[in-house]
């Protein structure tokens, strides 16, 4: 699960989510688009605000081959 997808699943606007983290909307948008690399501390704050594990925000699901 990525940051943007997780935020949208919770029906949070970027503004509301940025207020929860707290983080500027500009920085949050950059992190969501992958234009800014966030620190682990920031990922922890993002995950806490979304109610998910940090790993859910930074890992991609790898298809299982059979």
PDB file of N, CA and C in Angstrom:
ATOM      1  N   UNK A   1       0.853  -1.169   0.000  1.00  0.00           N
ATOM      2  CA  UNK A   1       0.000   0.000   0.000  1.00  0.00           C
ATOM      3  C   UNK A   1       0.902   1.236   0.000  1.00  0.00           C
ATOM      4  N   UNK A   2       0.637   2.122  -0.842  1.00  0.00           N
ATOM      5  CA  UNK A   2       1.408   3.362  -0.913  1.00  0.00           C
ATOM      6  C   UNK A   2       0.702   4.478  -0.158  1.00  0.00           C
ATOM      7  N   UNK A   3       1.399   5.563   0.038  1.00  0.00           N
ATOM      8  CA  UNK A   3       0.868   6.672   0.834  1.00  0.00           C
ATOM      9  C   UNK A   3      -0.401   7.248   0.215  1.00  0.00           C
ATOM     10  N   UNK A   4      -0.352   7.584  -1.058  1.00  0.00           N
ATOM     11  CA  UNK A   4      -1.518   8.182  -1.715  1.00  0.00           C
ATOM     12  C   UNK A   4      -2.708   7.227  -1.681  1.00  0.00           C
ATOM     13  N   UNK A   5      -2.480   5.967  -2.006  1.00  0.00           N
ATOM     14  CA  UNK A   5      -3.567   4.981  -2.009  1.00  0.00           C
ATOM     15  C   UNK A   5      -4.167   4.832  -0.614  1.00  0.00           C
ATOM     16  N   UNK A   6      -3.314   4.792   0.394  1.00  0.00           N
ATOM     17  CA  UNK A   6      -3.790   4.659   1.771  1.00  0.00           C
ATOM     18  C   UNK A   6      -4.599   5.885   2.184  1.00  0.00           C
ATOM     19  N   UNK A   7      -4.125   7.053   1.780  1.00  0.00           N
ATOM     20  CA  UNK A   7      -4.847   8.293   2.122  1.00  0.00           C
ATOM     21  C   UNK A   7      -6.220   8.321   1.454  1.00  0.00           C
ATOM     22  N   UNK A   8      -6.259   7.945   0.194  1.00  0.00           N
ATOM     23  CA  UNK A   8      -7.526   7.960  -0.536  1.00  0.00           C
ATOM     24  C   UNK A   8      -8.498   6.918   0.000  1.00  0.00           C
ATOM     25  N   UNK A   9      -7.989   5.765   0.427  1.00  0.00           N
ATOM     26  CA  UNK A   9      -8.860   4.744   1.016  1.00  0.00           C
ATOM     27  C   UNK A   9      -9.532   5.246   2.287  1.00  0.00           C
ATOM     28  N   UNK A  10      -8.858   6.132   2.963  1.00  0.00           N
ATOM     29  CA  UNK A  10      -9.428   6.701   4.185  1.00  0.00           C
ATOM     30  C   UNK A  10     -10.191   7.986   3.921  1.00  0.00           C
ATOM     31  N   UNK A  11     -10.302   8.312   2.648  1.00  0.00           N
ATOM     32  CA  UNK A  11     -11.053   9.492   2.198  1.00  0.00           C
ATOM     33  C   UNK A  11     -10.572  10.775   2.872  1.00  0.00           C
ATOM     34  N   UNK A  12      -9.262  10.886   2.981  1.00  0.00           N
ATOM     35  CA  UNK A  12      -8.653  12.080   3.553  1.00  0.00           C
ATOM     36  C   UNK A  12      -8.173  12.992   2.432  1.00  0.00           C
ATOM     37  N   UNK A  13      -8.471  14.249   2.554  1.00  0.00           N
ATOM     38  CA  UNK A  13      -7.890  15.207   1.611  1.00  0.00           C
ATOM     39  C   UNK A  13      -6.414  15.361   1.951  1.00  0.00           C
ATOM     40  N   UNK A  14      -5.670  15.861   1.006  1.00  0.00           N
ATOM     41  CA  UNK A  14      -4.246  16.091   1.261  1.00  0.00           C
ATOM     42  C   UNK A  14      -4.078  17.091   2.398  1.00  0.00           C
ATOM     43  N   UNK A  15      -4.929  18.080   2.421  1.00  0.00           N
ATOM     44  CA  UNK A  15      -4.867  19.104   3.466  1.00  0.00           C
ATOM     45  C   UNK A  15      -5.126  18.488   4.849  1.00  0.00           C
ATOM     46  N   UNK A  16      -6.179  17.684   4.969  1.00  0.00           N
ATOM     47  CA  UNK A  16      -6.511  17.067   6.258  1.00  0.00           C
ATOM     48  C   UNK A  16      -5.410  16.112   6.710  1.00  0.00           C
ATOM     49  N   UNK A  17      -4.879  15.348   5.769  1.00  0.00           N
ATOM     50  CA  UNK A  17      -3.820  14.401   6.107  1.00  0.00           C
ATOM     51  C   UNK A  17      -2.555  15.133   6.534  1.00  0.00           C
ATOM     52  N   UNK A  18      -2.195  16.184   5.810  1.00  0.00           N
ATOM     53  CA  UNK A  18      -1.007  16.973   6.157  1.00  0.00           C
ATOM     54  C   UNK A  18      -1.139  17.559   7.558  1.00  0.00           C
ATOM     55  N   UNK A  19      -2.341  17.968   7.924  1.00  0.00           N
ATOM     56  CA  UNK A  19      -2.569  18.499   9.270  1.00  0.00           C
ATOM     57  C   UNK A  19      -2.394  17.424  10.334  1.00  0.00           C
ATOM     58  N   UNK A  20      -2.779  16.194  10.022  1.00  0.00           N
ATOM     59  CA  UNK A  20      -2.650  15.093  10.985  1.00  0.00           C
ATOM     60  C   UNK A  20      -1.202  14.691  11.223  1.00  0.00           C
ATOM     61  N   UNK A  21      -0.338  14.845  10.218  1.00  0.00           N
ATOM     62  CA  UNK A  21       1.010  14.269  10.303  1.00  0.00           C
ATOM     63  C   UNK A  21       1.879  14.955  11.356  1.00  0.00           C
ATOM     64  N   UNK A  22       2.099  16.191  11.516  1.00  0.00           N
ATOM     65  CA  UNK A  22       1.891  17.365  10.671  1.00  0.00           C
ATOM     66  C   UNK A  22       3.037  17.542   9.666  1.00  0.00           C
ATOM     67  N   UNK A  23       2.653  18.032   8.495  1.00  0.00           N
ATOM     68  CA  UNK A  23       3.606  18.223   7.401  1.00  0.00           C
ATOM     69  C   UNK A  23       2.964  19.211   6.433  1.00  0.00           C
ATOM     70  N   UNK A  24       3.782  19.959   5.719  1.00  0.00           N
ATOM     71  CA  UNK A  24       3.207  20.879   4.751  1.00  0.00           C
ATOM     72  C   UNK A  24       2.593  20.087   3.602  1.00  0.00           C
ATOM     73  N   UNK A  25       1.551  20.637   2.999  1.00  0.00           N
ATOM     74  CA  UNK A  25       0.913  19.963   1.860  1.00  0.00           C
ATOM     75  C   UNK A  25       1.877  19.808   0.693  1.00  0.00           C
ATOM     76  N   UNK A  26       2.745  20.784   0.506  1.00  0.00           N
ATOM     77  CA  UNK A  26       3.715  20.724  -0.587  1.00  0.00           C
ATOM     78  C   UNK A  26       4.659  19.537  -0.393  1.00  0.00           C
ATOM     79  N   UNK A  27       5.186  19.383   0.812  1.00  0.00           N
ATOM     80  CA  UNK A  27       6.087  18.270   1.106  1.00  0.00           C
ATOM     81  C   UNK A  27       5.352  16.948   1.003  1.00  0.00           C
ATOM     82  N   UNK A  28       4.149  16.876   1.543  1.00  0.00           N
ATOM     83  CA  UNK A  28       3.364  15.650   1.465  1.00  0.00           C
ATOM     84  C   UNK A  28       3.122  15.257   0.013  1.00  0.00           C
ATOM     85  N   UNK A  29       2.763  16.210  -0.811  1.00  0.00           N
ATOM     86  CA  UNK A  29       2.546  15.927  -2.230  1.00  0.00           C
ATOM     87  C   UNK A  29       3.804  15.403  -2.895  1.00  0.00           C
ATOM     88  N   UNK A  30       4.937  15.975  -2.547  1.00  0.00           N
ATOM     89  CA  UNK A  30       6.215  15.525  -3.106  1.00  0.00           C
ATOM     90  C   UNK A  30       6.544  14.102  -2.669  1.00  0.00           C
ATOM     91  N   UNK A  31       6.252  13.774  -1.425  1.00  0.00           N
ATOM     92  CA  UNK A  31       6.493  12.424  -0.922  1.00  0.00           C
ATOM     93  C   UNK A  31       5.553  11.444  -1.628  1.00  0.00           C
ATOM     94  N   UNK A  32       4.298  11.809  -1.772  1.00  0.00           N
ATOM     95  CA  UNK A  32       3.329  10.934  -2.437  1.00  0.00           C
ATOM     96  C   UNK A  32       3.712  10.659  -3.892  1.00  0.00           C
ATOM     97  N   UNK A  33       4.266  11.646  -4.560  1.00  0.00           N
ATOM     98  CA  UNK A  33       4.668  11.487  -5.964  1.00  0.00           C
ATOM     99  C   UNK A  33       6.047  10.862  -6.128  1.00  0.00           C
ATOM    100  N   UNK A  34       6.743  10.646  -5.009  1.00  0.00           N
ATOM    101  CA  UNK A  34       8.072  10.066  -5.078  1.00  0.00           C
ATOM    102  C   UNK A  34       9.153  11.050  -5.473  1.00  0.00           C
ATOM    103  N   UNK A  35       8.860  12.325  -5.373  1.00  0.00           N
ATOM    104  CA  UNK A  35       9.829  13.361  -5.715  1.00  0.00           C
ATOM    105  C   UNK A  35      10.689  13.753  -4.521  1.00  0.00           C
ATOM    106  N   UNK A  36      10.296  13.313  -3.350  1.00  0.00           N
ATOM    107  CA  UNK A  36      11.014  13.634  -2.117  1.00  0.00           C
ATOM    108  C   UNK A  36      11.150  12.349  -1.317  1.00  0.00           C
ATOM    109  N   UNK A  37      12.337  12.059  -0.866  1.00  0.00           N
ATOM    110  CA  UNK A  37      12.559  10.866  -0.050  1.00  0.00           C
ATOM    111  C   UNK A  37      12.395  11.252   1.408  1.00  0.00           C
ATOM    112  N   UNK A  38      11.428  10.622   2.057  1.00  0.00           N
ATOM    113  CA  UNK A  38      11.145  10.927   3.459  1.00  0.00           C
ATOM    114  C   UNK A  38      12.054  10.123   4.376  1.00  0.00           C
ATOM    115  N   UNK A  39      12.263  10.630   5.561  1.00  0.00           N
ATOM    116  CA  UNK A  39      13.041   9.915   6.568  1.00  0.00           C
ATOM    117  C   UNK A  39      12.178   8.830   7.195  1.00  0.00           C
ATOM    118  N   UNK A  40      12.812   7.914   7.893  1.00  0.00           N
ATOM    119  CA  UNK A  40      12.076   6.865   8.594  1.00  0.00           C
ATOM    120  C   UNK A  40      11.127   7.473   9.628  1.00  0.00           C
ATOM    121  N   UNK A  41      11.567   8.523  10.278  1.00  0.00           N
ATOM    122  CA  UNK A  41      10.714   9.207  11.259  1.00  0.00           C
ATOM    123  C   UNK A  41       9.450   9.734  10.585  1.00  0.00           C
ATOM    124  N   UNK A  42       9.602  10.307   9.409  1.00  0.00           N
ATOM    125  CA  UNK A  42       8.445  10.812   8.673  1.00  0.00           C
ATOM    126  C   UNK A  42       7.525   9.679   8.262  1.00  0.00           C
ATOM    127  N   UNK A  43       8.103   8.566   7.789  1.00  0.00           N
ATOM    128  CA  UNK A  43       7.272   7.412   7.425  1.00  0.00           C
ATOM    129  C   UNK A  43       6.508   6.887   8.636  1.00  0.00           C
ATOM    130  N   UNK A  44       7.126   6.919   9.791  1.00  0.00           N
ATOM    131  CA  UNK A  44       6.429   6.486  11.007  1.00  0.00           C
ATOM    132  C   UNK A  44       5.239   7.399  11.304  1.00  0.00           C
ATOM    133  N   UNK A  45       5.427   8.701  11.130  1.00  0.00           N
ATOM    134  CA  UNK A  45       4.338   9.649  11.355  1.00  0.00           C
ATOM    135  C   UNK A  45       3.219   9.445  10.338  1.00  0.00           C
ATOM    136  N   UNK A  46       3.592   9.237   9.087  1.00  0.00           N
ATOM    137  CA  UNK A  46       2.598   9.001   8.038  1.00  0.00           C
ATOM    138  C   UNK A  46       1.805   7.732   8.330  1.00  0.00           C
ATOM    139  N   UNK A  47       2.514   6.682   8.690  1.00  0.00           N
ATOM    140  CA  UNK A  47       1.865   5.399   8.983  1.00  0.00           C
ATOM    141  C   UNK A  47       0.925   5.533  10.183  1.00  0.00           C
ATOM    142  N   UNK A  48       1.373   6.211  11.220  1.00  0.00           N
ATOM    143  CA  UNK A  48       0.536   6.398  12.412  1.00  0.00           C
ATOM    144  C   UNK A  48      -0.735   7.175  12.066  1.00  0.00           C
ATOM    145  N   UNK A  49      -0.595   8.214  11.249  1.00  0.00           N
ATOM    146  CA  UNK A  49      -1.749   9.026  10.863  1.00  0.00           C
ATOM    147  C   UNK A  49      -2.740   8.235  10.007  1.00  0.00           C
ATOM    148  N   UNK A  50      -2.229   7.237   9.291  1.00  0.00           N
ATOM    149  CA  UNK A  50      -3.084   6.410   8.431  1.00  0.00           C
ATOM    150  C   UNK A  50      -3.551   5.131   9.111  1.00  0.00           C
ATOM    151  N   UNK A  51      -2.947   4.808  10.246  1.00  0.00           N
ATOM    152  CA  UNK A  51      -3.313   3.590  10.950  1.00  0.00           C
ATOM    153  C   UNK A  51      -2.818   2.323  10.273  1.00  0.00           C
ATOM    154  N   UNK A  52      -1.640   2.409   9.636  1.00  0.00           N
ATOM    155  CA  UNK A  52      -1.047   1.248   8.958  1.00  0.00           C
ATOM    156  C   UNK A  52       0.382   1.061   9.454  1.00  0.00           C
ATOM    157  N   UNK A  53       0.999  -0.050   9.080  1.00  0.00           N
ATOM    158  CA  UNK A  53       2.410  -0.283   9.399  1.00  0.00           C
ATOM    159  C   UNK A  53       3.284   0.471   8.397  1.00  0.00           C
ATOM    160  N   UNK A  54       4.460   0.856   8.849  1.00  0.00           N
ATOM    161  CA  UNK A  54       5.403   1.547   7.966  1.00  0.00           C
ATOM    162  C   UNK A  54       5.691   0.695   6.724  1.00  0.00           C
ATOM    163  N   UNK A  55       5.836  -0.599   6.915  1.00  0.00           N
ATOM    164  CA  UNK A  55       6.122  -1.491   5.792  1.00  0.00           C
ATOM    165  C   UNK A  55       5.065  -1.446   4.705  1.00  0.00           C
ATOM    166  N   UNK A  56       3.824  -1.168   5.079  1.00  0.00           N
ATOM    167  CA  UNK A  56       2.752  -1.066   4.088  1.00  0.00           C
ATOM    168  C   UNK A  56       2.941   0.137   3.174  1.00  0.00           C
ATOM    169  N   UNK A  57       3.651   1.130   3.644  1.00  0.00           N
ATOM    170  CA  UNK A  57       3.849   2.340   2.853  1.00  0.00           C
ATOM    171  C   UNK A  57       5.074   2.269   1.950  1.00  0.00           C
ATOM    172  N   UNK A  58       6.014   1.417   2.283  1.00  0.00           N
ATOM    173  CA  UNK A  58       7.274   1.429   1.539  1.00  0.00           C
ATOM    174  C   UNK A  58       7.535   0.176   0.710  1.00  0.00           C
ATOM    175  N   UNK A  59       6.699  -0.848   0.843  1.00  0.00           N
ATOM    176  CA  UNK A  59       6.941  -2.054   0.076  1.00  0.00           C
ATOM    177  C   UNK A  59       5.884  -2.198  -1.004  1.00  0.00           C
ATOM    178  N   UNK A  60       6.315  -2.793  -2.081  1.00  0.00           N
ATOM    179  CA  UNK A  60       5.390  -3.112  -3.164  1.00  0.00           C
ATOM    180  C   UNK A  60       5.096  -4.594  -3.077  1.00  0.00           C
ATOM    181  N   UNK A  61       3.902  -4.940  -3.445  1.00  0.00           N
ATOM    182  CA  UNK A  61       3.559  -6.352  -3.456  1.00  0.00           C
ATOM    183  C   UNK A  61       4.249  -7.018  -4.641  1.00  0.00           C
ATOM    184  N   UNK A  62       4.926  -8.071  -4.351  1.00  0.00           N
ATOM    185  CA  UNK A  62       5.621  -8.814  -5.408  1.00  0.00           C
ATOM    186  C   UNK A  62       4.749 -10.002  -5.795  1.00  0.00           C
ATOM    187  N   UNK A  63       4.497 -10.160  -7.098  1.00  0.00           N
ATOM    188  CA  UNK A  63       3.639 -11.288  -7.501  1.00  0.00           C
ATOM    189  C   UNK A  63       4.306 -12.628  -7.167  1.00  0.00           C
ATOM    190  N   UNK A  64       3.479 -13.575  -6.788  1.00  0.00           N
ATOM    191  CA  UNK A  64       4.004 -14.914  -6.490  1.00  0.00           C
ATOM    192  C   UNK A  64       3.914 -15.740  -7.765  1.00  0.00           C
ATOM    193  N   UNK A  65       4.997 -16.333  -8.111  1.00  0.00           N
ATOM    194  CA  UNK A  65       5.031 -17.164  -9.329  1.00  0.00           C
ATOM    195  C   UNK A  65       4.787 -18.611  -8.941  1.00  0.00           C
ATOM    196  N   UNK A  66       3.969 -19.273  -9.669  1.00  0.00           N
ATOM    197  CA  UNK A  66       3.652 -20.685  -9.392  1.00  0.00           C
ATOM    198  C   UNK A  66       4.125 -21.539 -10.515  1.00  0.00           C
TER     199      UNK A  66
END
